[in-house]
Amino acid sequence: MNTVIRRIGNSEGVILPKELLQSLNLKAGDQLIVTEQKGDIVLKKAGDDFEEQMAAAREIMDRYKVALQKLAE
């Protein structure tokens, strides 16, 4: 399956075929994690665990805000 990088406004993007999206149960608005592995682009659907991890990170950053600011100086 081939696709082309296209200009979308001021950005560039890739259009994924409808058949691929359906087979992977993806839809508009779903979040993907983009990584590079050995020169290849890898797309992975961001799961609920990602949101949970981000919430935990925000909580820790809020709790230790002063200490983190001091470390950053």
PDB file of N, CA and C in Angstrom:
ATOM      1  N   MET A   1       0.852  -1.165   0.000  1.00  0.00           N
ATOM      2  CA  MET A   1       0.000   0.000   0.000  1.00  0.00           C
ATOM      3  C   MET A   1       0.903   1.235   0.000  1.00  0.00           C
ATOM      4  N   ASN A   2       0.748   2.095  -0.966  1.00  0.00           N
ATOM      5  CA  ASN A   2       1.551   3.309  -1.076  1.00  0.00           C
ATOM      6  C   ASN A   2       0.685   4.527  -0.816  1.00  0.00           C
ATOM      7  N   THR A   3       1.297   5.571  -0.287  1.00  0.00           N
ATOM      8  CA  THR A   3       0.632   6.849  -0.103  1.00  0.00           C
ATOM      9  C   THR A   3       1.670   7.940  -0.317  1.00  0.00           C
ATOM     10  N   VAL A   4       1.229   9.180  -0.405  1.00  0.00           N
ATOM     11  CA  VAL A   4       2.098  10.304  -0.720  1.00  0.00           C
ATOM     12  C   VAL A   4       1.993  11.343   0.388  1.00  0.00           C
ATOM     13  N   ILE A   5       3.107  11.980   0.725  1.00  0.00           N
ATOM     14  CA  ILE A   5       3.073  13.106   1.664  1.00  0.00           C
ATOM     15  C   ILE A   5       2.491  14.294   0.918  1.00  0.00           C
ATOM     16  N   ARG A   6       1.455  14.912   1.490  1.00  0.00           N
ATOM     17  CA  ARG A   6       0.743  16.018   0.832  1.00  0.00           C
ATOM     18  C   ARG A   6       0.762  17.256   1.715  1.00  0.00           C
ATOM     19  N   ARG A   7       0.682  18.394   1.075  1.00  0.00           N
ATOM     20  CA  ARG A   7       0.585  19.653   1.820  1.00  0.00           C
ATOM     21  C   ARG A   7      -0.844  19.785   2.326  1.00  0.00           C
ATOM     22  N   ILE A   8      -0.957  20.076   3.627  1.00  0.00           N
ATOM     23  CA  ILE A   8      -2.262  20.290   4.262  1.00  0.00           C
ATOM     24  C   ILE A   8      -2.150  21.603   5.031  1.00  0.00           C
ATOM     25  N   GLY A   9      -2.627  22.688   4.434  1.00  0.00           N
ATOM     26  CA  GLY A   9      -2.451  24.010   5.048  1.00  0.00           C
ATOM     27  C   GLY A   9      -0.977  24.350   5.074  1.00  0.00           C
ATOM     28  N   ASN A  10      -0.477  24.749   6.263  1.00  0.00           N
ATOM     29  CA  ASN A  10       0.945  25.054   6.418  1.00  0.00           C
ATOM     30  C   ASN A  10       1.762  23.828   6.796  1.00  0.00           C
ATOM     31  N   SER A  11       1.124  22.685   6.896  1.00  0.00           N
ATOM     32  CA  SER A  11       1.793  21.453   7.308  1.00  0.00           C
ATOM     33  C   SER A  11       1.836  20.470   6.150  1.00  0.00           C
ATOM     34  N   GLU A  12       2.363  19.325   6.445  1.00  0.00           N
ATOM     35  CA  GLU A  12       2.346  18.233   5.483  1.00  0.00           C
ATOM     36  C   GLU A  12       1.850  16.993   6.203  1.00  0.00           C
ATOM     37  N   GLY A  13       1.185  16.114   5.486  1.00  0.00           N
ATOM     38  CA  GLY A  13       0.622  14.940   6.129  1.00  0.00           C
ATOM     39  C   GLY A  13       0.432  13.805   5.147  1.00  0.00           C
ATOM     40  N   VAL A  14      -0.009  12.712   5.705  1.00  0.00           N
ATOM     41  CA  VAL A  14      -0.246  11.498   4.931  1.00  0.00           C
ATOM     42  C   VAL A  14      -1.719  11.134   5.067  1.00  0.00           C
ATOM     43  N   ILE A  15      -2.356  10.834   3.959  1.00  0.00           N
ATOM     44  CA  ILE A  15      -3.738  10.379   3.958  1.00  0.00           C
ATOM     45  C   ILE A  15      -3.710   8.852   4.021  1.00  0.00           C
ATOM     46  N   LEU A  16      -4.370   8.281   5.035  1.00  0.00           N
ATOM     47  CA  LEU A  16      -4.428   6.826   5.164  1.00  0.00           C
ATOM     48  C   LEU A  16      -5.690   6.313   4.480  1.00  0.00           C
ATOM     49  N   PRO A  17      -5.564   5.273   3.694  1.00  0.00           N
ATOM     50  CA  PRO A  17      -6.727   4.738   2.975  1.00  0.00           C
ATOM     51  C   PRO A  17      -7.834   4.277   3.924  1.00  0.00           C
ATOM     52  N   LYS A  18      -9.063   4.469   3.489  1.00  0.00           N
ATOM     53  CA  LYS A  18     -10.240   4.101   4.283  1.00  0.00           C
ATOM     54  C   LYS A  18     -10.205   2.637   4.702  1.00  0.00           C
ATOM     55  N   GLU A  19      -9.791   1.764   3.787  1.00  0.00           N
ATOM     56  CA  GLU A  19      -9.751   0.333   4.078  1.00  0.00           C
ATOM     57  C   GLU A  19      -8.796   0.014   5.223  1.00  0.00           C
ATOM     58  N   LEU A  20      -7.652   0.698   5.247  1.00  0.00           N
ATOM     59  CA  LEU A  20      -6.674   0.490   6.320  1.00  0.00           C
ATOM     60  C   LEU A  20      -7.245   0.963   7.650  1.00  0.00           C
ATOM     61  N   LEU A  21      -7.857   2.140   7.645  1.00  0.00           N
ATOM     62  CA  LEU A  21      -8.447   2.673   8.878  1.00  0.00           C
ATOM     63  C   LEU A  21      -9.522   1.734   9.413  1.00  0.00           C
ATOM     64  N   GLN A  22     -10.365   1.216   8.523  1.00  0.00           N
ATOM     65  CA  GLN A  22     -11.420   0.298   8.951  1.00  0.00           C
ATOM     66  C   GLN A  22     -10.844  -0.991   9.519  1.00  0.00           C
ATOM     67  N   SER A  23      -9.824  -1.535   8.867  1.00  0.00           N
ATOM     68  CA  SER A  23      -9.264  -2.805   9.336  1.00  0.00           C
ATOM     69  C   SER A  23      -8.564  -2.655  10.684  1.00  0.00           C
ATOM     70  N   LEU A  24      -8.075  -1.449  10.988  1.00  0.00           N
ATOM     71  CA  LEU A  24      -7.408  -1.196  12.272  1.00  0.00           C
ATOM     72  C   LEU A  24      -8.331  -0.550  13.297  1.00  0.00           C
ATOM     73  N   ASN A  25      -9.593  -0.382  12.915  1.00  0.00           N
ATOM     74  CA  ASN A  25     -10.588   0.233  13.807  1.00  0.00           C
ATOM     75  C   ASN A  25     -10.158   1.630  14.253  1.00  0.00           C
ATOM     76  N   LEU A  26      -9.685   2.424  13.297  1.00  0.00           N
ATOM     77  CA  LEU A  26      -9.279   3.802  13.557  1.00  0.00           C
ATOM     78  C   LEU A  26     -10.282   4.751  12.918  1.00  0.00           C
ATOM     79  N   LYS A  27     -10.389   5.943  13.511  1.00  0.00           N
ATOM     80  CA  LYS A  27     -11.295   6.952  12.956  1.00  0.00           C
ATOM     81  C   LYS A  27     -10.722   8.339  13.203  1.00  0.00           C
ATOM     82  N   ALA A  28     -11.300   9.330  12.558  1.00  0.00           N
ATOM     83  CA  ALA A  28     -10.865  10.711  12.737  1.00  0.00           C
ATOM     84  C   ALA A  28     -10.928  11.070  14.223  1.00  0.00           C
ATOM     85  N   GLY A  29      -9.871  11.703  14.704  1.00  0.00           N
ATOM     86  CA  GLY A  29      -9.818  12.105  16.110  1.00  0.00           C
ATOM     87  C   GLY A  29      -9.024  11.150  16.990  1.00  0.00           C
ATOM     88  N   ASP A  30      -8.789   9.915  16.517  1.00  0.00           N
ATOM     89  CA  ASP A  30      -7.963   8.986  17.279  1.00  0.00           C
ATOM     90  C   ASP A  30      -6.536   9.514  17.326  1.00  0.00           C
ATOM     91  N   GLN A  31      -5.861   9.299  18.446  1.00  0.00           N
ATOM     92  CA  GLN A  31      -4.481   9.740  18.587  1.00  0.00           C
ATOM     93  C   GLN A  31      -3.531   8.605  18.253  1.00  0.00           C
ATOM     94  N   LEU A  32      -2.450   8.965  17.549  1.00  0.00           N
ATOM     95  CA  LEU A  32      -1.432   7.998  17.180  1.00  0.00           C
ATOM     96  C   LEU A  32      -0.092   8.423  17.771  1.00  0.00           C
ATOM     97  N   ILE A  33       0.713   7.451  18.137  1.00  0.00           N
ATOM     98  CA  ILE A  33       2.080   7.697  18.570  1.00  0.00           C
ATOM     99  C   ILE A  33       2.963   7.422  17.361  1.00  0.00           C
ATOM    100  N   VAL A  34       3.816   8.390  17.016  1.00  0.00           N
ATOM    101  CA  VAL A  34       4.694   8.258  15.857  1.00  0.00           C
ATOM    102  C   VAL A  34       6.122   8.067  16.364  1.00  0.00           C
ATOM    103  N   THR A  35       6.766   6.984  15.915  1.00  0.00           N
ATOM    104  CA  THR A  35       8.155   6.736  16.287  1.00  0.00           C
ATOM    105  C   THR A  35       8.952   6.376  15.045  1.00  0.00           C
ATOM    106  N   GLU A  36      10.253   6.449  15.201  1.00  0.00           N
ATOM    107  CA  GLU A  36      11.168   6.060  14.123  1.00  0.00           C
ATOM    108  C   GLU A  36      11.972   4.880  14.632  1.00  0.00           C
ATOM    109  N   GLN A  37      12.003   3.819  13.841  1.00  0.00           N
ATOM    110  CA  GLN A  37      12.758   2.629  14.214  1.00  0.00           C
ATOM    111  C   GLN A  37      13.577   2.158  13.019  1.00  0.00           C
ATOM    112  N   LYS A  38      14.877   2.290  13.150  1.00  0.00           N
ATOM    113  CA  LYS A  38      15.796   1.835  12.093  1.00  0.00           C
ATOM    114  C   LYS A  38      15.443   2.424  10.733  1.00  0.00           C
ATOM    115  N   GLY A  39      15.114   3.707  10.728  1.00  0.00           N
ATOM    116  CA  GLY A  39      14.812   4.389   9.481  1.00  0.00           C
ATOM    117  C   GLY A  39      13.382   4.253   8.990  1.00  0.00           C
ATOM    118  N   ASP A  40      12.551   3.522   9.706  1.00  0.00           N
ATOM    119  CA  ASP A  40      11.144   3.355   9.333  1.00  0.00           C
ATOM    120  C   ASP A  40      10.259   4.204  10.238  1.00  0.00           C
ATOM    121  N   ILE A  41       9.139   4.642   9.721  1.00  0.00           N
ATOM    122  CA  ILE A  41       8.143   5.358  10.504  1.00  0.00           C
ATOM    123  C   ILE A  41       7.142   4.340  11.028  1.00  0.00           C
ATOM    124  N   VAL A  42       6.879   4.392  12.333  1.00  0.00           N
ATOM    125  CA  VAL A  42       5.948   3.451  12.953  1.00  0.00           C
ATOM    126  C   VAL A  42       4.817   4.249  13.591  1.00  0.00           C
ATOM    127  N   LEU A  43       3.578   3.922  13.227  1.00  0.00           N
ATOM    128  CA  LEU A  43       2.400   4.546  13.819  1.00  0.00           C
ATOM    129  C   LEU A  43       1.741   3.535  14.741  1.00  0.00           C
ATOM    130  N   LYS A  44       1.392   3.976  15.954  1.00  0.00           N
ATOM    131  CA  LYS A  44       0.738   3.097  16.910  1.00  0.00           C
ATOM    132  C   LYS A  44      -0.388   3.872  17.577  1.00  0.00           C
ATOM    133  N   LYS A  45      -1.536   3.246  17.685  1.00  0.00           N
ATOM    134  CA  LYS A  45      -2.670   3.905  18.324  1.00  0.00           C
ATOM    135  C   LYS A  45      -2.345   4.146  19.795  1.00  0.00           C
ATOM    136  N   ALA A  46      -2.554   5.384  20.231  1.00  0.00           N
ATOM    137  CA  ALA A  46      -2.329   5.720  21.634  1.00  0.00           C
ATOM    138  C   ALA A  46      -3.475   5.136  22.442  1.00  0.00           C
ATOM    139  N   GLY A  47      -3.141   4.334  23.420  1.00  0.00           N
ATOM    140  CA  GLY A  47      -4.160   3.687  24.239  1.00  0.00           C
ATOM    141  C   GLY A  47      -4.527   4.525  25.455  1.00  0.00           C
ATOM    142  N   ASP A  48      -5.458   4.011  26.221  1.00  0.00           N
ATOM    143  CA  ASP A  48      -5.882   4.688  27.440  1.00  0.00           C
ATOM    144  C   ASP A  48      -4.737   4.802  28.435  1.00  0.00           C
ATOM    145  N   ASP A  49      -3.783   3.851  28.389  1.00  0.00           N
ATOM    146  CA  ASP A  49      -2.659   3.901  29.310  1.00  0.00           C
ATOM    147  C   ASP A  49      -1.836   5.169  29.108  1.00  0.00           C
ATOM    148  N   PHE A  50      -1.778   5.678  27.876  1.00  0.00           N
ATOM    149  CA  PHE A  50      -1.058   6.920  27.604  1.00  0.00           C
ATOM    150  C   PHE A  50      -1.696   8.069  28.372  1.00  0.00           C
ATOM    151  N   GLU A  51      -3.010   8.169  28.308  1.00  0.00           N
ATOM    152  CA  GLU A  51      -3.714   9.232  29.020  1.00  0.00           C
ATOM    153  C   GLU A  51      -3.529   9.094  30.531  1.00  0.00           C
ATOM    154  N   GLU A  52      -3.557   7.873  31.025  1.00  0.00           N
ATOM    155  CA  GLU A  52      -3.348   7.642  32.455  1.00  0.00           C
ATOM    156  C   GLU A  52      -1.941   8.049  32.874  1.00  0.00           C
ATOM    157  N   GLN A  53      -0.964   7.725  32.045  1.00  0.00           N
ATOM    158  CA  GLN A  53       0.418   8.100  32.344  1.00  0.00           C
ATOM    159  C   GLN A  53       0.588   9.617  32.335  1.00  0.00           C
ATOM    160  N   MET A  54      -0.047  10.281  31.394  1.00  0.00           N
ATOM    161  CA  MET A  54       0.041  11.741  31.346  1.00  0.00           C
ATOM    162  C   MET A  54      -0.614  12.376  32.565  1.00  0.00           C
ATOM    163  N   ALA A  55      -1.740  11.843  32.993  1.00  0.00           N
ATOM    164  CA  ALA A  55      -2.425  12.356  34.180  1.00  0.00           C
ATOM    165  C   ALA A  55      -1.540  12.175  35.409  1.00  0.00           C
ATOM    166  N   ALA A  56      -0.889  11.017  35.530  1.00  0.00           N
ATOM    167  CA  ALA A  56       0.005  10.766  36.663  1.00  0.00           C
ATOM    168  C   ALA A  56       1.198  11.719  36.621  1.00  0.00           C
ATOM    169  N   ALA A  57       1.748  11.956  35.434  1.00  0.00           N
ATOM    170  CA  ALA A  57       2.886  12.872  35.303  1.00  0.00           C
ATOM    171  C   ALA A  57       2.486  14.291  35.698  1.00  0.00           C
ATOM    172  N   ARG A  58       1.295  14.729  35.277  1.00  0.00           N
ATOM    173  CA  ARG A  58       0.829  16.080  35.648  1.00  0.00           C
ATOM    174  C   ARG A  58       0.649  16.201  37.156  1.00  0.00           C
ATOM    175  N   GLU A  59       0.121  15.161  37.780  1.00  0.00           N
ATOM    176  CA  GLU A  59      -0.079  15.178  39.223  1.00  0.00           C
ATOM    177  C   GLU A  59       1.260  15.303  39.952  1.00  0.00           C
ATOM    178  N   ILE A  60       2.248  14.547  39.517  1.00  0.00           N
ATOM    179  CA  ILE A  60       3.573  14.606  40.135  1.00  0.00           C
ATOM    180  C   ILE A  60       4.208  15.973  39.917  1.00  0.00           C
ATOM    181  N   MET A  61       4.074  16.503  38.707  1.00  0.00           N
ATOM    182  CA  MET A  61       4.644  17.823  38.430  1.00  0.00           C
ATOM    183  C   MET A  61       3.985  18.897  39.281  1.00  0.00           C
ATOM    184  N   ASP A  62       2.667  18.796  39.484  1.00  0.00           N
ATOM    185  CA  ASP A  62       1.973  19.752  40.347  1.00  0.00           C
ATOM    186  C   ASP A  62       2.432  19.614  41.793  1.00  0.00           C
ATOM    187  N   ARG A  63       2.573  18.379  42.261  1.00  0.00           N
ATOM    188  CA  ARG A  63       2.946  18.124  43.652  1.00  0.00           C
ATOM    189  C   ARG A  63       4.357  18.620  43.954  1.00  0.00           C
ATOM    190  N   TYR A  64       5.277  18.450  43.004  1.00  0.00           N
ATOM    191  CA  TYR A  64       6.680  18.808  43.220  1.00  0.00           C
ATOM    192  C   TYR A  64       7.107  20.004  42.376  1.00  0.00           C
ATOM    193  N   LYS A  65       6.174  20.904  42.129  1.00  0.00           N
ATOM    194  CA  LYS A  65       6.418  22.059  41.267  1.00  0.00           C
ATOM    195  C   LYS A  65       7.614  22.879  41.728  1.00  0.00           C
ATOM    196  N   VAL A  66       7.674  23.201  43.012  1.00  0.00           N
ATOM    197  CA  VAL A  66       8.756  24.033  43.540  1.00  0.00           C
ATOM    198  C   VAL A  66      10.098  23.325  43.392  1.00  0.00           C
ATOM    199  N   ALA A  67      10.150  22.047  43.747  1.00  0.00           N
ATOM    200  CA  ALA A  67      11.400  21.296  43.636  1.00  0.00           C
ATOM    201  C   ALA A  67      11.859  21.204  42.178  1.00  0.00           C
ATOM    202  N   LEU A  68      10.933  20.981  41.273  1.00  0.00           N
ATOM    203  CA  LEU A  68      11.292  20.903  39.855  1.00  0.00           C
ATOM    204  C   LEU A  68      11.798  22.232  39.325  1.00  0.00           C
ATOM    205  N   GLN A  69      11.187  23.341  39.798  1.00  0.00           N
ATOM    206  CA  GLN A  69      11.654  24.661  39.391  1.00  0.00           C
ATOM    207  C   GLN A  69      13.075  24.913  39.887  1.00  0.00           C
ATOM    208  N   LYS A  70      13.356  24.508  41.129  1.00  0.00           N
ATOM    209  CA  LYS A  70      14.700  24.682  41.686  1.00  0.00           C
ATOM    210  C   LYS A  70      15.724  23.856  40.905  1.00  0.00           C
ATOM    211  N   LEU A  71      15.360  22.631  40.559  1.00  0.00           N
ATOM    212  CA  LEU A  71      16.258  21.780  39.775  1.00  0.00           C
ATOM    213  C   LEU A  71      16.531  22.366  38.401  1.00  0.00           C
ATOM    214  N   ALA A  72      15.560  23.065  37.849  1.00  0.00           N
ATOM    215  CA  ALA A  72      15.705  23.632  36.515  1.00  0.00           C
ATOM    216  C   ALA A  72      16.619  24.864  36.496  1.00  0.00           C
ATOM    217  N   GLU A  73      16.841  25.462  37.661  1.00  0.00           N
ATOM    218  CA  GLU A  73      17.669  26.685  37.727  1.00  0.00           C
ATOM    219  C   GLU A  73      19.125  26.415  37.546  1.00  0.00           C
TER     220      GLU A  73
END
